[in-house]
Amino acid sequence: MLRTMLVAMVCACSAPARAPSATADPHAWETLQREVAGRWIATTGDAQVPVEFKMMANDTVVLELFGANGGKTVTTYHQDAGGLIATHYCAQGNQPRLRLRGTGGGKLVFQLADATGQDAGESMLVELSIQPIAPRGFERVEVYRQPDGTLERTVWRYAPAP
């Protein structure tokens, strides 16, 4: 009897949470590939960071390398069940996975679906948006939930690297 109850509890606790459905925008993947591929300089306030986006895995993944050697973070973007997923491998050691939730005017908005590796006291990326800016460049907005529950919004402007 005890064994049966334990098995039932383990099964109930380990069932994956069902994330809300992704936005199925057939043009989102093409927009992402077209607008971000290449080398960039991301700027916010007085900070400038080198960033590179490249196609990987037979053009099924966009790989983003953000920052200089030793302090890089990585974000991957790929298609999944008619939508897009961004997995952010944060320098803090956590890995939030975000699903595309909205599009409009070329803007892609990803929101937190789930995460691994978060320790107490770490902030977590909960929203990420990419908005193309004419003639060549884009704006990326990151929203992090701080350990106290407050949200911190950072706007990065991307310009082609020299």
C-alpha atoms as a PDB file:
ATOM      1  CA  MET A   1       0.000   0.000   0.000  1.00  0.00           C
ATOM      2  CA  LEU A   2       2.761   2.451   0.974  1.00  0.00           C
ATOM      3  CA  ARG A   3       4.669   1.590  -2.215  1.00  0.00           C
ATOM      4  CA  THR A   4       1.584   2.286  -4.349  1.00  0.00           C
ATOM      5  CA  MET A   5       1.061   5.650  -2.660  1.00  0.00           C
ATOM      6  CA  LEU A   6       4.710   6.615  -3.180  1.00  0.00           C
ATOM      7  CA  VAL A   7       4.596   5.643  -6.857  1.00  0.00           C
ATOM      8  CA  ALA A   8       1.402   7.693  -7.306  1.00  0.00           C
ATOM      9  CA  MET A   9       2.989  10.697  -5.572  1.00  0.00           C
ATOM     10  CA  VAL A  10       6.148  10.489  -7.700  1.00  0.00           C
ATOM     11  CA  CYS A  11       4.114  10.233 -10.894  1.00  0.00           C
ATOM     12  CA  ALA A  12       1.912  13.178  -9.933  1.00  0.00           C
ATOM     13  CA  CYS A  13       4.905  15.332  -8.999  1.00  0.00           C
ATOM     14  CA  SER A  14       6.990  14.490 -12.046  1.00  0.00           C
ATOM     15  CA  ALA A  15       4.327  15.081 -14.675  1.00  0.00           C
ATOM     16  CA  PRO A  16       5.514  17.911 -16.924  1.00  0.00           C
ATOM     17  CA  ALA A  17       3.646  21.165 -16.598  1.00  0.00           C
ATOM     18  CA  ARG A  18       1.748  22.070 -19.738  1.00  0.00           C
ATOM     19  CA  ALA A  19       2.855  25.431 -21.038  1.00  0.00           C
ATOM     20  CA  PRO A  20       0.335  27.615 -22.808  1.00  0.00           C
ATOM     21  CA  SER A  21       0.363  27.052 -26.555  1.00  0.00           C
ATOM     22  CA  ALA A  22       2.929  28.868 -28.635  1.00  0.00           C
ATOM     23  CA  THR A  23       2.041  31.490 -31.212  1.00  0.00           C
ATOM     24  CA  ALA A  24       2.073  29.823 -34.611  1.00  0.00           C
ATOM     25  CA  ASP A  25       3.313  32.619 -36.872  1.00  0.00           C
ATOM     26  CA  PRO A  26       4.671  31.109 -40.089  1.00  0.00           C
ATOM     27  CA  HIS A  27       6.816  34.201 -40.705  1.00  0.00           C
ATOM     28  CA  ALA A  28       8.378  34.467 -37.237  1.00  0.00           C
ATOM     29  CA  TRP A  29      11.228  32.041 -37.968  1.00  0.00           C
ATOM     30  CA  GLU A  30      12.091  33.798 -41.229  1.00  0.00           C
ATOM     31  CA  THR A  31      11.922  37.187 -39.492  1.00  0.00           C
ATOM     32  CA  LEU A  32      14.308  35.982 -36.794  1.00  0.00           C
ATOM     33  CA  GLN A  33      16.780  34.546 -39.296  1.00  0.00           C
ATOM     34  CA  ARG A  34      16.662  37.572 -41.606  1.00  0.00           C
ATOM     35  CA  GLU A  35      16.876  40.290 -38.943  1.00  0.00           C
ATOM     36  CA  VAL A  36      19.509  38.987 -36.530  1.00  0.00           C
ATOM     37  CA  ALA A  37      22.081  36.951 -38.483  1.00  0.00           C
ATOM     38  CA  GLY A  38      25.571  38.434 -38.246  1.00  0.00           C
ATOM     39  CA  ARG A  39      27.822  40.350 -35.881  1.00  0.00           C
ATOM     40  CA  TRP A  40      26.482  43.235 -33.803  1.00  0.00           C
ATOM     41  CA  ILE A  41      27.340  45.753 -31.130  1.00  0.00           C
ATOM     42  CA  ALA A  42      24.604  45.892 -28.473  1.00  0.00           C
ATOM     43  CA  THR A  43      24.354  49.150 -26.535  1.00  0.00           C
ATOM     44  CA  THR A  44      22.452  50.123 -23.381  1.00  0.00           C
ATOM     45  CA  GLY A  45      23.373  53.304 -21.532  1.00  0.00           C
ATOM     46  CA  ASP A  46      27.179  53.462 -21.586  1.00  0.00           C
ATOM     47  CA  ALA A  47      27.645  49.693 -21.991  1.00  0.00           C
ATOM     48  CA  GLN A  48      28.597  48.107 -25.317  1.00  0.00           C
ATOM     49  CA  VAL A  49      28.703  44.355 -25.833  1.00  0.00           C
ATOM     50  CA  PRO A  50      29.741  42.320 -28.882  1.00  0.00           C
ATOM     51  CA  VAL A  51      27.064  39.878 -30.057  1.00  0.00           C
ATOM     52  CA  GLU A  52      27.034  37.285 -32.801  1.00  0.00           C
ATOM     53  CA  PHE A  53      24.074  35.381 -34.222  1.00  0.00           C
ATOM     54  CA  LYS A  54      24.743  32.424 -36.479  1.00  0.00           C
ATOM     55  CA  MET A  55      22.820  29.583 -38.002  1.00  0.00           C
ATOM     56  CA  MET A  56      23.706  26.127 -36.688  1.00  0.00           C
ATOM     57  CA  ALA A  57      22.576  22.490 -36.934  1.00  0.00           C
ATOM     58  CA  ASN A  58      21.748  22.539 -40.649  1.00  0.00           C
ATOM     59  CA  ASP A  59      20.013  25.935 -40.273  1.00  0.00           C
ATOM     60  CA  THR A  60      17.537  24.673 -37.659  1.00  0.00           C
ATOM     61  CA  VAL A  61      18.937  26.736 -34.761  1.00  0.00           C
ATOM     62  CA  VAL A  62      19.905  30.377 -34.403  1.00  0.00           C
ATOM     63  CA  LEU A  63      22.779  30.580 -31.911  1.00  0.00           C
ATOM     64  CA  GLU A  64      23.330  33.880 -30.094  1.00  0.00           C
ATOM     65  CA  LEU A  65      26.678  34.530 -28.384  1.00  0.00           C
ATOM     66  CA  PHE A  66      26.356  37.620 -26.167  1.00  0.00           C
ATOM     67  CA  GLY A  67      29.424  39.203 -24.594  1.00  0.00           C
ATOM     68  CA  ALA A  68      33.181  38.933 -24.608  1.00  0.00           C
ATOM     69  CA  ASN A  69      35.302  35.886 -23.786  1.00  0.00           C
ATOM     70  CA  GLY A  70      34.788  34.618 -20.263  1.00  0.00           C
ATOM     71  CA  GLY A  71      31.482  36.441 -19.766  1.00  0.00           C
ATOM     72  CA  LYS A  72      29.426  35.114 -22.647  1.00  0.00           C
ATOM     73  CA  THR A  73      25.870  34.001 -22.416  1.00  0.00           C
ATOM     74  CA  VAL A  74      24.238  31.849 -25.061  1.00  0.00           C
ATOM     75  CA  THR A  75      20.675  31.873 -26.306  1.00  0.00           C
ATOM     76  CA  THR A  76      19.368  29.396 -28.841  1.00  0.00           C
ATOM     77  CA  TYR A  77      16.247  29.897 -30.935  1.00  0.00           C
ATOM     78  CA  HIS A  78      14.487  27.065 -32.738  1.00  0.00           C
ATOM     79  CA  GLN A  79      11.106  25.989 -34.052  1.00  0.00           C
ATOM     80  CA  ASP A  80       8.891  23.740 -31.940  1.00  0.00           C
ATOM     81  CA  ALA A  81       5.323  22.560 -32.567  1.00  0.00           C
ATOM     82  CA  GLY A  82       4.464  25.454 -34.851  1.00  0.00           C
ATOM     83  CA  GLY A  83       6.072  28.109 -32.651  1.00  0.00           C
ATOM     84  CA  LEU A  84       9.488  29.298 -31.578  1.00  0.00           C
ATOM     85  CA  ILE A  85      11.447  28.631 -28.421  1.00  0.00           C
ATOM     86  CA  ALA A  86      14.356  30.632 -27.004  1.00  0.00           C
ATOM     87  CA  THR A  87      16.534  28.912 -24.408  1.00  0.00           C
ATOM     88  CA  HIS A  88      18.796  31.325 -22.525  1.00  0.00           C
ATOM     89  CA  TYR A  89      21.926  29.874 -20.918  1.00  0.00           C
ATOM     90  CA  CYS A  90      22.539  32.628 -18.376  1.00  0.00           C
ATOM     91  CA  ALA A  91      25.939  33.472 -16.891  1.00  0.00           C
ATOM     92  CA  GLN A  92      24.249  33.045 -13.485  1.00  0.00           C
ATOM     93  CA  GLY A  93      23.872  29.334 -14.258  1.00  0.00           C
ATOM     94  CA  ASN A  94      20.113  29.095 -14.864  1.00  0.00           C
ATOM     95  CA  GLN A  95      18.434  28.191 -18.136  1.00  0.00           C
ATOM     96  CA  PRO A  96      15.029  29.795 -18.751  1.00  0.00           C
ATOM     97  CA  ARG A  97      13.103  28.539 -21.764  1.00  0.00           C
ATOM     98  CA  LEU A  98      10.816  31.087 -23.382  1.00  0.00           C
ATOM     99  CA  ARG A  99       8.073  30.528 -25.964  1.00  0.00           C
ATOM    100  CA  LEU A 100       7.021  32.960 -28.647  1.00  0.00           C
ATOM    101  CA  ARG A 101       3.748  34.457 -27.397  1.00  0.00           C
ATOM    102  CA  GLY A 102       3.155  37.316 -29.745  1.00  0.00           C
ATOM    103  CA  THR A 103       4.096  38.909 -33.023  1.00  0.00           C
ATOM    104  CA  GLY A 104       3.115  42.123 -34.654  1.00  0.00           C
ATOM    105  CA  GLY A 105       4.872  44.651 -36.835  1.00  0.00           C
ATOM    106  CA  GLY A 106       7.821  42.268 -37.041  1.00  0.00           C
ATOM    107  CA  LYS A 107       8.235  42.257 -33.238  1.00  0.00           C
ATOM    108  CA  LEU A 108       8.772  38.860 -31.614  1.00  0.00           C
ATOM    109  CA  VAL A 109       7.820  38.515 -27.931  1.00  0.00           C
ATOM    110  CA  PHE A 110       8.998  35.472 -25.960  1.00  0.00           C
ATOM    111  CA  GLN A 111       7.716  34.721 -22.442  1.00  0.00           C
ATOM    112  CA  LEU A 112       8.918  32.293 -19.783  1.00  0.00           C
ATOM    113  CA  ALA A 113       7.598  28.745 -20.152  1.00  0.00           C
ATOM    114  CA  ASP A 114       9.879  26.957 -17.678  1.00  0.00           C
ATOM    115  CA  ALA A 115      13.443  26.921 -16.393  1.00  0.00           C
ATOM    116  CA  THR A 116      16.168  24.757 -14.953  1.00  0.00           C
ATOM    117  CA  GLY A 117      19.091  25.472 -12.663  1.00  0.00           C
ATOM    118  CA  GLN A 118      17.721  28.470 -10.751  1.00  0.00           C
ATOM    119  CA  ASP A 119      19.213  28.902  -7.300  1.00  0.00           C
ATOM    120  CA  ALA A 120      17.896  31.131  -4.523  1.00  0.00           C
ATOM    121  CA  GLY A 121      19.034  34.698  -4.990  1.00  0.00           C
ATOM    122  CA  GLU A 122      19.301  34.535  -8.782  1.00  0.00           C
ATOM    123  CA  SER A 123      17.317  36.667 -11.182  1.00  0.00           C
ATOM    124  CA  MET A 124      15.530  34.969 -14.096  1.00  0.00           C
ATOM    125  CA  LEU A 125      14.861  36.097 -17.664  1.00  0.00           C
ATOM    126  CA  VAL A 126      11.050  36.053 -17.977  1.00  0.00           C
ATOM    127  CA  GLU A 127      10.468  38.001 -21.200  1.00  0.00           C
ATOM    128  CA  LEU A 128      12.511  38.764 -24.287  1.00  0.00           C
ATOM    129  CA  SER A 129      11.460  40.757 -27.324  1.00  0.00           C
ATOM    130  CA  ILE A 130      13.147  41.522 -30.620  1.00  0.00           C
ATOM    131  CA  GLN A 131      11.952  44.464 -32.745  1.00  0.00           C
ATOM    132  CA  PRO A 132      13.588  45.206 -36.131  1.00  0.00           C
ATOM    133  CA  ILE A 133      14.588  48.842 -36.674  1.00  0.00           C
ATOM    134  CA  ALA A 134      15.063  50.234 -40.188  1.00  0.00           C
ATOM    135  CA  PRO A 135      17.312  50.374 -42.082  1.00  0.00           C
ATOM    136  CA  ARG A 136      19.477  47.719 -40.371  1.00  0.00           C
ATOM    137  CA  GLY A 137      19.405  46.912 -36.698  1.00  0.00           C
ATOM    138  CA  PHE A 138      17.036  45.893 -33.962  1.00  0.00           C
ATOM    139  CA  GLU A 139      16.022  46.501 -30.390  1.00  0.00           C
ATOM    140  CA  ARG A 140      16.062  43.713 -27.854  1.00  0.00           C
ATOM    141  CA  VAL A 141      14.255  44.118 -24.549  1.00  0.00           C
ATOM    142  CA  GLU A 142      15.022  41.785 -21.647  1.00  0.00           C
ATOM    143  CA  VAL A 143      12.836  41.559 -18.563  1.00  0.00           C
ATOM    144  CA  TYR A 144      14.360  39.827 -15.528  1.00  0.00           C
ATOM    145  CA  ARG A 145      12.447  38.876 -12.382  1.00  0.00           C
ATOM    146  CA  GLN A 146      14.640  39.733  -9.417  1.00  0.00           C
ATOM    147  CA  PRO A 147      14.817  37.520  -6.299  1.00  0.00           C
ATOM    148  CA  ASP A 148      12.430  39.924  -4.511  1.00  0.00           C
ATOM    149  CA  GLY A 149       9.855  39.546  -7.314  1.00  0.00           C
ATOM    150  CA  THR A 150      10.398  42.948  -8.932  1.00  0.00           C
ATOM    151  CA  LEU A 151      10.923  43.171 -12.684  1.00  0.00           C
ATOM    152  CA  GLU A 152      13.986  44.808 -14.252  1.00  0.00           C
ATOM    153  CA  ARG A 153      13.691  45.888 -17.890  1.00  0.00           C
ATOM    154  CA  THR A 154      16.778  46.508 -20.049  1.00  0.00           C
ATOM    155  CA  VAL A 155      16.627  47.845 -23.606  1.00  0.00           C
ATOM    156  CA  TRP A 156      19.518  46.948 -25.903  1.00  0.00           C
ATOM    157  CA  ARG A 157      19.975  48.601 -29.311  1.00  0.00           C
ATOM    158  CA  TYR A 158      21.814  46.497 -31.879  1.00  0.00           C
ATOM    159  CA  ALA A 159      23.867  48.029 -34.685  1.00  0.00           C
ATOM    160  CA  PRO A 160      26.018  46.118 -37.201  1.00  0.00           C
ATOM    161  CA  ALA A 161      29.560  45.495 -35.930  1.00  0.00           C
ATOM    162  CA  PRO A 162      32.329  47.228 -37.882  1.00  0.00           C
END
